[in-house]
Protein backbone atom coordinates (compact mmCIF):
# COMPACT_ATOMS: atom_id res chain seq x y z
CA MET A 1 24.16 -0.11 -4.01
CA LYS A 2 26.21 -1.83 -6.62
CA HIS A 3 28.83 -2.75 -4.18
CA PHE A 4 25.96 -4.29 -2.01
CA SER A 5 24.72 -6.55 -4.93
CA ARG A 6 28.24 -7.74 -5.92
CA ALA A 7 29.02 -8.65 -2.31
CA LEU A 8 25.63 -10.52 -1.98
CA LEU A 9 26.38 -12.30 -5.20
CA ILE A 10 29.94 -13.26 -4.26
CA GLY A 11 28.44 -14.81 -1.04
CA LEU A 12 25.69 -16.54 -2.90
CA LEU A 13 27.91 -18.04 -5.50
CA ALA A 14 30.20 -19.68 -2.78
CA ALA A 15 27.36 -21.54 -1.23
CA LEU A 16 25.25 -22.42 -4.49
CA PRO A 17 25.52 -25.63 -6.64
CA VAL A 18 27.37 -25.32 -9.68
CA GLN A 19 24.40 -25.04 -11.95
CA ALA A 20 23.01 -22.19 -9.98
CA ALA A 21 26.36 -20.50 -9.70
CA ASP A 22 26.57 -20.64 -13.58
CA LEU A 23 23.07 -19.09 -13.69
CA ALA A 24 23.96 -16.13 -11.55
CA LYS A 25 27.26 -15.40 -13.23
CA ALA A 26 25.50 -15.51 -16.83
CA VAL A 27 22.58 -13.13 -15.32
CA GLN A 28 25.17 -10.68 -13.81
CA LYS A 29 27.14 -10.61 -16.96
CA ASP A 30 23.92 -9.92 -18.85
CA TYR A 31 22.95 -7.04 -16.21
CA ASP A 32 26.47 -5.48 -16.51
CA ARG A 33 26.35 -5.47 -20.37
CA HIS A 34 22.66 -4.88 -21.08
CA LEU A 35 19.99 -5.24 -18.59
CA GLY A 36 21.25 -2.42 -16.35
CA GLU A 37 21.08 0.11 -18.95
CA LEU A 38 17.72 -1.15 -20.20
CA PHE A 39 16.43 -0.75 -16.70
CA ARG A 40 17.51 2.90 -16.52
CA HIS A 41 15.83 3.53 -20.02
CA PHE A 42 12.52 1.98 -18.83
CA HIS A 43 12.51 4.03 -15.61
CA SER A 44 13.34 7.19 -17.27
CA ASN A 45 10.65 6.62 -19.76
CA PRO A 46 7.38 5.45 -18.05
CA GLU A 47 4.09 5.49 -19.60
CA LEU A 48 0.33 5.50 -18.34
CA SER A 49 -1.86 2.46 -18.37
CA MET A 50 -3.24 1.59 -21.82
CA MET A 51 -0.78 4.30 -23.20
CA GLU A 52 2.50 2.14 -22.96
CA ASP A 53 3.11 2.50 -26.64
CA GLN A 54 6.90 3.08 -26.61
CA THR A 55 7.50 0.74 -23.51
CA ALA A 56 5.72 -2.03 -25.47
CA ALA A 57 7.63 -1.39 -28.71
CA ARG A 58 10.96 -1.55 -26.84
CA LEU A 59 9.99 -4.58 -24.95
CA ALA A 60 8.97 -6.29 -28.07
CA LYS A 61 12.03 -5.46 -30.02
CA GLU A 62 14.12 -6.78 -27.17
CA ILE A 63 12.30 -10.09 -26.89
CA ARG A 64 12.10 -10.46 -30.71
CA ALA A 65 16.00 -9.99 -30.86
CA ALA A 66 16.31 -12.79 -28.57
CA GLY A 67 14.69 -15.13 -30.99
CA PHE A 68 10.85 -15.22 -29.78
CA GLN A 69 7.87 -14.74 -32.17
CA VAL A 70 6.22 -11.53 -30.78
CA THR A 71 2.78 -10.25 -31.43
CA GLU A 72 2.04 -6.68 -30.36
CA GLY A 73 -1.11 -4.96 -29.71
CA VAL A 74 -2.89 -7.76 -27.78
CA GLY A 75 -5.56 -6.20 -25.65
CA GLY A 76 -4.50 -2.61 -26.59
CA THR A 77 -0.71 -2.32 -26.02
CA GLY A 78 -0.05 -5.86 -24.71
CA LEU A 79 2.27 -8.22 -26.38
CA VAL A 80 2.58 -12.01 -26.43
CA ALA A 81 6.12 -13.74 -27.22
CA LEU A 82 6.28 -17.39 -28.14
CA MET A 83 9.29 -19.77 -28.27
CA GLU A 84 8.56 -23.54 -29.24
CA ASN A 85 11.37 -25.66 -28.19
CA GLY A 86 10.11 -29.35 -28.41
CA PRO A 87 7.53 -31.33 -26.70
CA GLY A 88 6.22 -30.26 -23.35
CA PRO A 89 3.91 -27.94 -21.60
CA LEU A 90 2.86 -24.33 -22.45
CA VAL A 91 4.10 -21.96 -19.58
CA MET A 92 3.31 -18.34 -19.38
CA MET A 93 5.46 -15.74 -17.60
CA ARG A 94 3.72 -12.32 -17.15
CA ALA A 95 5.26 -8.88 -16.58
CA ASP A 96 3.14 -5.67 -16.08
CA MET A 97 4.57 -2.59 -17.86
CA ASP A 98 2.60 0.63 -16.98
CA GLY A 99 3.66 3.58 -14.81
CA LEU A 100 1.68 5.82 -12.54
CA PRO A 101 0.81 9.47 -12.68
CA VAL A 102 3.12 10.64 -9.86
CA GLN A 103 5.95 13.19 -9.99
CA GLU A 104 9.15 11.40 -9.28
CA LYS A 105 11.28 12.98 -6.42
CA SER A 106 13.60 10.13 -5.56
CA GLY A 107 16.74 12.05 -6.54
CA LEU A 108 17.99 9.22 -8.74
CA PRO A 109 20.26 10.45 -11.53
CA TYR A 110 17.97 8.53 -13.91
CA ALA A 111 14.64 9.68 -12.31
CA SER A 112 11.57 10.13 -14.65
CA LYS A 113 10.89 13.72 -15.84
CA ALA A 114 8.16 12.24 -18.25
CA LYS A 115 4.85 13.89 -18.63
CA GLN A 116 1.76 12.38 -20.46
CA VAL A 117 -1.81 13.51 -21.22
CA ASP A 118 -3.88 11.32 -19.00
CA TRP A 119 -7.38 9.57 -19.66
CA ASP A 120 -9.05 12.68 -18.71
CA GLY A 121 -7.17 15.22 -20.93
CA ASN A 122 -4.86 16.56 -18.13
CA GLU A 123 -0.97 16.45 -18.60
CA VAL A 124 0.45 14.89 -15.62
CA PHE A 125 3.99 13.69 -14.60
CA VAL A 126 4.55 9.82 -15.01
CA MET A 127 6.75 7.56 -12.80
CA HIS A 128 7.62 4.02 -12.45
CA ALA A 129 6.35 4.18 -8.75
CA CYS A 130 5.55 0.60 -8.39
CA GLY A 131 8.58 -1.22 -9.90
CA HIS A 132 7.08 -2.33 -13.22
CA ASP A 133 10.33 -1.36 -14.80
CA VAL A 134 11.93 -4.21 -12.80
CA HIS A 135 9.23 -6.61 -14.19
CA ILE A 136 9.92 -5.94 -17.69
CA THR A 137 13.70 -5.71 -17.49
CA SER A 138 13.71 -9.07 -15.91
CA LEU A 139 11.30 -10.44 -18.49
CA VAL A 140 13.86 -9.46 -21.12
CA GLY A 141 16.62 -11.06 -19.16
CA THR A 142 14.65 -14.19 -18.83
CA ALA A 143 14.01 -14.31 -22.74
CA ARG A 144 17.72 -13.91 -23.41
CA TYR A 145 18.74 -16.62 -20.87
CA MET A 146 16.08 -18.96 -21.89
CA ALA A 147 16.95 -18.60 -25.67
CA GLU A 148 20.58 -19.05 -25.08
CA HIS A 149 19.96 -22.19 -23.01
CA ARG A 150 17.50 -24.25 -24.97
CA ASP A 151 19.01 -27.49 -24.17
CA SER A 152 17.98 -27.06 -20.38
CA TRP A 153 14.16 -26.83 -21.16
CA SER A 154 11.46 -28.41 -23.58
CA GLY A 155 8.10 -27.17 -24.35
CA THR A 156 6.57 -23.68 -25.31
CA LEU A 157 7.55 -20.44 -23.27
CA MET A 158 5.11 -17.57 -23.55
CA LEU A 159 6.14 -14.21 -22.38
CA VAL A 160 3.52 -11.71 -21.82
CA GLY A 161 4.05 -7.98 -21.45
CA GLN A 162 0.70 -6.69 -20.00
CA PRO A 163 -0.64 -3.29 -19.93
CA ALA A 164 -2.95 -1.46 -17.47
CA GLU A 165 -2.18 -3.48 -14.22
CA GLU A 166 -2.48 -0.14 -12.34
CA ARG A 167 -6.02 0.22 -13.49
CA VAL A 168 -6.79 -3.37 -13.20
CA GLY A 169 -7.86 -3.67 -16.92
CA GLY A 170 -4.93 -5.01 -18.89
CA ALA A 171 -5.37 -8.62 -17.99
CA LYS A 172 -9.05 -8.58 -18.68
CA ALA A 173 -8.50 -6.68 -21.97
CA MET A 174 -5.99 -9.34 -23.18
CA ARG A 175 -8.46 -11.96 -22.31
CA GLU A 176 -11.11 -10.14 -24.14
CA ASP A 177 -8.71 -10.07 -27.15
CA LYS A 178 -8.89 -13.89 -27.08
CA ILE A 179 -5.10 -14.47 -25.92
CA TRP A 180 -5.69 -18.18 -25.18
CA GLU A 181 -7.56 -18.75 -28.29
CA ARG A 182 -5.10 -17.12 -30.45
CA PHE A 183 -1.73 -18.22 -28.74
CA GLY A 184 -2.82 -21.37 -26.56
CA GLN A 185 -3.92 -21.69 -23.05
CA PRO A 186 -0.97 -22.14 -20.69
CA ASP A 187 -0.66 -25.18 -18.65
CA TYR A 188 0.91 -22.98 -15.92
CA ALA A 189 1.23 -19.16 -15.29
CA LEU A 190 3.74 -17.32 -13.45
CA ALA A 191 4.23 -13.66 -12.33
CA PHE A 192 6.28 -11.89 -9.80
CA HIS A 193 6.34 -8.45 -8.15
CA VAL A 194 9.09 -6.50 -6.70
CA SER A 195 8.69 -5.44 -3.18
CA SER A 196 10.24 -2.52 -1.37
CA VAL A 197 9.50 -4.02 2.15
CA VAL A 198 11.16 -7.25 1.34
CA PRO A 199 15.00 -7.41 1.65
CA ALA A 200 16.98 -7.45 -1.58
CA GLY A 201 18.25 -10.83 -2.48
CA LYS A 202 15.22 -12.59 -0.90
CA LEU A 203 12.01 -14.14 -2.35
CA VAL A 204 8.53 -14.29 -1.04
CA ALA A 205 6.29 -17.11 -2.21
CA ASP A 206 2.92 -17.61 -0.26
CA PRO A 207 1.52 -20.92 -0.96
CA VAL A 208 -1.96 -19.61 -0.56
CA ALA A 209 -3.02 -15.99 -1.36
CA PRO A 210 -0.44 -13.38 -2.16
CA TYR A 211 -3.04 -10.58 -2.96
CA SER A 212 -6.58 -10.05 -2.25
CA GLY A 213 -9.62 -9.23 -4.18
CA SER A 214 -10.67 -5.53 -4.55
CA ASP A 215 -13.89 -3.73 -5.39
CA THR A 216 -14.48 0.00 -6.12
CA VAL A 217 -17.77 1.18 -4.31
CA ASP A 218 -19.40 4.64 -4.60
CA ILE A 219 -22.13 5.86 -2.12
CA VAL A 220 -24.47 8.92 -3.10
CA ILE A 221 -26.18 10.45 0.02
CA HIS A 222 -29.03 12.51 -0.54
CA GLY A 223 -30.02 15.15 1.95
CA VAL A 224 -32.34 18.13 2.34
CA GLY A 225 -30.32 21.29 1.88
CA ALA A 226 -30.64 24.26 4.39
CA HIS A 227 -28.90 27.38 5.97
CA GLY A 228 -26.07 26.28 8.39
CA ALA A 229 -27.84 28.22 11.10
CA SER A 230 -30.94 26.27 10.87
CA PRO A 231 -30.19 22.67 10.58
CA HIS A 232 -33.62 21.69 11.84
CA GLY A 233 -34.84 22.77 8.44
CA GLY A 234 -32.84 20.09 6.54
CA ILE A 235 -31.30 16.69 6.62
CA ASP A 236 -27.42 17.17 6.84
CA PRO A 237 -25.78 14.70 4.27
CA VAL A 238 -22.43 15.41 6.10
CA VAL A 239 -23.73 14.09 9.36
CA LEU A 240 -25.21 11.24 7.73
CA GLY A 241 -22.29 10.59 5.69
CA SER A 242 -20.03 10.47 8.79
CA GLN A 243 -22.59 8.14 10.41
CA ILE A 244 -22.15 5.75 7.52
CA VAL A 245 -18.43 5.94 7.57
CA LEU A 246 -18.52 5.05 11.17
CA GLY A 247 -20.93 2.33 10.67
CA LEU A 248 -19.08 0.66 7.95
CA GLN A 249 -16.23 -0.01 10.55
CA THR A 250 -18.42 -2.65 12.18
CA VAL A 251 -19.08 -4.61 8.98
CA VAL A 252 -15.83 -6.12 9.02
CA SER A 253 -15.69 -6.66 12.77
CA ARG A 254 -19.29 -8.03 12.96
CA SER A 255 -20.17 -9.39 9.71
CA LEU A 256 -17.12 -11.44 8.64
CA PRO A 257 -15.97 -14.54 10.54
CA PRO A 258 -13.14 -13.54 12.77
CA ARG A 259 -10.42 -15.53 10.74
CA GLU A 260 -12.01 -14.22 7.38
CA PRO A 261 -9.74 -11.19 6.04
CA GLY A 262 -11.58 -8.04 4.89
CA VAL A 263 -10.92 -4.14 4.64
CA ILE A 264 -13.42 -1.32 4.02
CA THR A 265 -11.70 1.98 3.36
CA VAL A 266 -13.47 5.23 2.79
CA GLY A 267 -10.89 7.18 0.65
CA SER A 268 -12.91 10.11 -0.31
CA PHE A 269 -15.73 12.05 1.25
CA HIS A 270 -17.02 15.04 -0.77
CA SER A 271 -19.94 17.54 0.20
CA GLY A 272 -20.98 21.11 0.25
CA THR A 273 -19.61 24.45 -1.14
CA LYS A 274 -19.57 26.87 1.70
CA HIS A 275 -19.24 27.21 5.40
CA ASN A 276 -22.82 28.04 6.16
CA ILE A 277 -24.75 25.99 3.77
CA ILE A 278 -25.98 22.42 4.66
CA SER A 279 -25.69 20.71 1.13
CA ASP A 280 -28.25 18.31 -0.21
CA GLU A 281 -25.72 15.73 -1.37
CA ALA A 282 -22.57 13.93 -0.18
CA ARG A 283 -20.48 11.27 -1.96
CA LEU A 284 -18.31 8.59 -0.65
CA GLN A 285 -15.69 6.42 -2.46
CA LEU A 286 -14.67 3.29 -1.00
CA THR A 287 -11.92 0.44 -1.64
CA VAL A 288 -13.24 -3.10 -0.54
CA ARG A 289 -10.87 -5.85 -0.04
CA SER A 290 -11.75 -9.55 0.33
CA GLU A 291 -9.99 -12.97 -0.01
CA SER A 292 -13.09 -15.28 -0.89
CA ALA A 293 -16.49 -15.01 -2.74
CA MET A 294 -18.19 -15.45 0.77
CA GLY A 295 -16.23 -12.59 2.24
CA ARG A 296 -16.78 -10.25 -0.79
CA ARG A 297 -20.45 -10.82 -0.50
CA LEU A 298 -20.88 -10.24 3.10
CA LEU A 299 -18.93 -6.89 2.69
CA LEU A 300 -20.83 -5.49 -0.23
CA ASP A 301 -24.16 -6.43 1.41
CA GLY A 302 -23.12 -5.03 4.83
CA ILE A 303 -22.15 -1.68 2.81
CA LYS A 304 -25.59 -1.43 1.44
CA ARG A 305 -27.32 -2.39 4.51
CA VAL A 306 -25.43 0.29 6.57
CA ALA A 307 -25.86 3.08 3.99
CA GLU A 308 -29.51 2.43 3.40
CA ASN A 309 -30.50 1.93 7.17
CA MET A 310 -28.46 5.06 8.34
CA GLY A 311 -30.66 6.83 5.59
CA ARG A 312 -33.80 5.56 7.48
CA VAL A 313 -32.33 6.83 10.93
CA ALA A 314 -31.70 10.18 9.46
CA GLY A 315 -35.51 10.36 8.58
CA LEU A 316 -35.11 10.15 4.71
CA PRO A 317 -38.00 8.67 2.66
CA GLU A 318 -37.64 5.39 1.00
CA ASP A 319 -37.01 7.24 -2.40
CA MET A 320 -34.17 9.26 -1.15
CA LEU A 321 -32.09 6.54 0.66
CA PRO A 322 -28.47 6.58 -0.12
CA GLU A 323 -27.34 4.71 -3.29
CA VAL A 324 -24.74 2.18 -3.50
CA TYR A 325 -23.01 1.56 -6.76
CA VAL A 326 -20.49 -1.14 -7.00
CA SER A 327 -18.07 -0.71 -10.02
CA ASP A 328 -17.31 -3.30 -12.46
CA GLU A 329 -13.64 -2.25 -11.81
CA TRP A 330 -12.91 -5.14 -9.70
CA VAL A 331 -10.43 -8.10 -9.21
CA PRO A 332 -10.69 -11.43 -7.56
CA PRO A 333 -8.05 -12.47 -5.04
CA THR A 334 -4.81 -13.83 -6.44
CA LEU A 335 -4.63 -17.47 -5.26
CA ASN A 336 -1.53 -19.60 -5.89
CA ASN A 337 -1.81 -23.23 -6.53
CA ALA A 338 -0.30 -24.66 -3.39
CA GLU A 339 1.08 -27.86 -4.98
CA LEU A 340 2.86 -25.80 -7.64
CA THR A 341 4.09 -23.24 -5.24
CA ASN A 342 5.44 -25.73 -2.89
CA GLU A 343 7.34 -27.51 -5.73
CA LEU A 344 8.81 -24.28 -6.94
CA ARG A 345 9.75 -23.26 -3.37
CA THR A 346 11.68 -26.56 -3.31
CA ALA A 347 13.37 -25.72 -6.64
CA TRP A 348 14.23 -22.20 -5.51
CA GLN A 349 15.74 -23.28 -2.26
CA SER A 350 17.74 -26.00 -3.95
CA GLN A 351 19.10 -23.66 -6.53
CA LEU A 352 19.12 -20.30 -4.93
CA GLY A 353 20.16 -21.20 -1.34
CA ASP A 354 18.42 -22.39 1.79
CA ASP A 355 18.11 -18.90 3.08
CA ILE A 356 16.50 -17.56 -0.11
CA PHE A 357 12.97 -16.95 1.37
CA HIS A 358 11.73 -14.05 3.51
CA GLU A 359 9.06 -15.53 5.53
CA ALA A 360 7.34 -12.36 6.97
CA LYS A 361 3.74 -12.33 7.44
CA ARG A 362 1.62 -10.48 4.80
CA LEU A 363 0.07 -7.42 6.53
CA GLY A 364 -1.73 -5.38 3.88
CA MET A 365 -4.50 -6.39 1.26
CA GLY A 366 -3.08 -5.08 -1.92
CA ALA A 367 -4.70 -6.36 -5.29
CA GLU A 368 -3.60 -7.31 -8.60
CA ASP A 369 -5.56 -8.31 -12.00
CA PHE A 370 -3.35 -11.22 -12.70
CA PRO A 371 -6.15 -13.66 -11.69
CA PHE A 372 -8.03 -12.61 -14.71
CA PHE A 373 -5.58 -14.94 -16.57
CA THR A 374 -5.90 -17.75 -14.02
CA VAL A 375 -9.47 -18.17 -12.69
CA ASP A 376 -11.76 -18.89 -15.50
CA PRO A 377 -10.46 -21.32 -16.92
CA TYR A 378 -8.44 -22.59 -14.06
CA ILE A 379 -4.79 -22.37 -14.74
CA PRO A 380 -2.33 -23.49 -11.88
CA SER A 381 -0.42 -20.45 -11.05
CA THR A 382 2.47 -19.09 -8.64
CA TYR A 383 2.78 -15.37 -8.18
CA PHE A 384 5.84 -14.53 -6.03
CA ALA A 385 7.88 -11.42 -4.92
CA VAL A 386 11.39 -10.33 -5.24
CA GLY A 387 12.94 -8.21 -2.51
CA GLY A 388 14.03 -4.56 -3.60
CA THR A 389 15.60 -2.80 -0.61
CA PRO A 390 18.94 -3.41 1.01
CA GLN A 391 18.61 -5.03 4.43
CA LYS A 392 20.64 -2.11 5.74
CA ALA A 393 18.12 0.30 4.70
CA LEU A 394 15.32 -1.91 6.27
CA ASP A 395 17.39 -2.02 9.46
CA ALA A 396 17.98 1.53 9.70
CA ALA A 397 14.18 2.39 9.24
CA ALA A 398 13.51 -0.14 11.92
CA ASN A 399 15.79 1.58 14.28
CA GLY A 400 14.53 5.23 13.70
CA GLY A 401 16.24 6.01 10.54
CA PRO A 402 14.70 7.25 7.16
CA PRO A 403 11.68 5.16 6.36
CA VAL A 404 11.64 2.99 3.31
CA PRO A 405 9.38 4.52 0.72
CA THR A 406 6.26 2.60 0.04
CA HIS A 407 5.02 1.72 -3.45
CA HIS A 408 3.26 4.65 -5.40
CA SER A 409 5.15 7.12 -3.42
CA PRO A 410 7.04 9.81 -5.36
CA ILE A 411 10.22 8.83 -3.53
CA PHE A 412 9.83 5.08 -4.39
CA LYS A 413 13.05 3.29 -5.37
CA ILE A 414 14.42 -0.06 -5.39
CA GLU A 415 18.05 -1.41 -5.83
CA PRO A 416 17.75 -2.40 -9.40
CA GLU A 417 20.77 -4.73 -9.72
CA ALA A 418 19.74 -7.06 -6.93
CA SER A 419 15.93 -6.76 -8.01
CA VAL A 420 16.33 -7.44 -11.61
CA THR A 421 18.99 -10.24 -11.48
CA LEU A 422 17.04 -12.15 -8.73
CA GLY A 423 14.08 -11.82 -10.71
CA VAL A 424 15.55 -13.39 -13.86
CA GLU A 425 17.15 -16.09 -11.61
CA ALA A 426 14.10 -17.07 -9.81
CA THR A 427 12.01 -17.10 -13.32
CA VAL A 428 14.51 -19.10 -15.04
CA VAL A 429 14.68 -21.59 -12.07
CA ALA A 430 10.73 -21.90 -12.19
CA LEU A 431 10.74 -22.18 -15.94
CA GLN A 432 13.25 -24.86 -16.22
CA LYS A 433 11.43 -26.79 -13.54
CA LEU A 434 8.16 -26.68 -15.41
CA LEU A 435 9.31 -26.81 -19.00
CA GLN A 436 10.17 -30.46 -19.33
CA ALA A 437 9.22 -32.87 -22.31
CA ASP A 438 7.37 -35.48 -19.87
CA ARG A 439 5.54 -32.92 -17.62
CA VAL A 440 1.69 -32.72 -17.62
CA ALA A 441 -0.03 -30.10 -15.75
CA ALA A 442 -2.33 -31.20 -12.85
CA ARG A 443 -5.78 -29.59 -13.43
């Protein structure tokens, strides 16, 4: 892996402008001396959402050592670091830092063996199975570079270590803890995510919507219990639930406009206790993905309509119709500011090379809680992605070789050197573009 990233670096340096080549050399030097070992530390010592005490403490120590003023305990375990460097805008860069309750089986020499007591009192294995260790390591690298090159920017840099992205509660918790009132409302906001399906050394910067909105929905289905040999004596919630699951598949195809994205997935179906008993209740758990307020409303209304009317079809009385509960654990879509993103794309292409972008079409509808920082009040923002898997591994998978592990998998892994160094370089280029004395945010 290391030979891959060094070869990539040598090739890039030959083609880049002098300023960008100097940046790449400086970041590579920092990775060799400090960031590589720091990444391995973070990867080996993950912590669950809102329990990132040691992670946050180490992150704060690293950024404070670079010369930033750091406040810990914001929104739980979050931290905010500020560096004022003359007149100019306030720009925020966010990195999430929580791990997942997954037992690592990657085979890496620095694989996590950590365990932690979760929110329900269960001891579970913990793993950085989504790359947040890349994000916080890159944040440290960014802090160190920006502090050492203050002559290249002007304004105030805000670095945010955010807890609990995996439970979509960390950004909201930091807002509820009055992050803007206490530290200033940014003129621009940035964040990135490493991606296992994007080639190492490449960026993705969607001018529109890098992530979808997400809702969590529960459906409680009431039935009339009976003996399994006498189904006529009851109303079977398993059959009714099955009809609801199938009926939900038409909500997207027949309620949303054809060009409006949407997903309804039933991730859990629970009912019954024994082979020959028709139970009196079933429960469905859904995730719902949308990319506009209109799409979200159509999907949620459609779920309620299908569930209740299927109950009527089954012969349930009005007071026993299926109940639909929409959780307050939701996030709006992540919408990039197109003007800002196109401006940064130009800067990245100019500084990092004409072929820096991976332009593949987004296929999934993953969600993020970053919009809680940027939607209300509105802050122009760009959320981008950094490639994490060597191209040869992606090519091998496409030709029938070993599949590339997905995020949240126990065998998830990325190429840390290429991911961290490009994460730092791309962030620095964006910050240097935005942090200028005469720049005013366009709201």
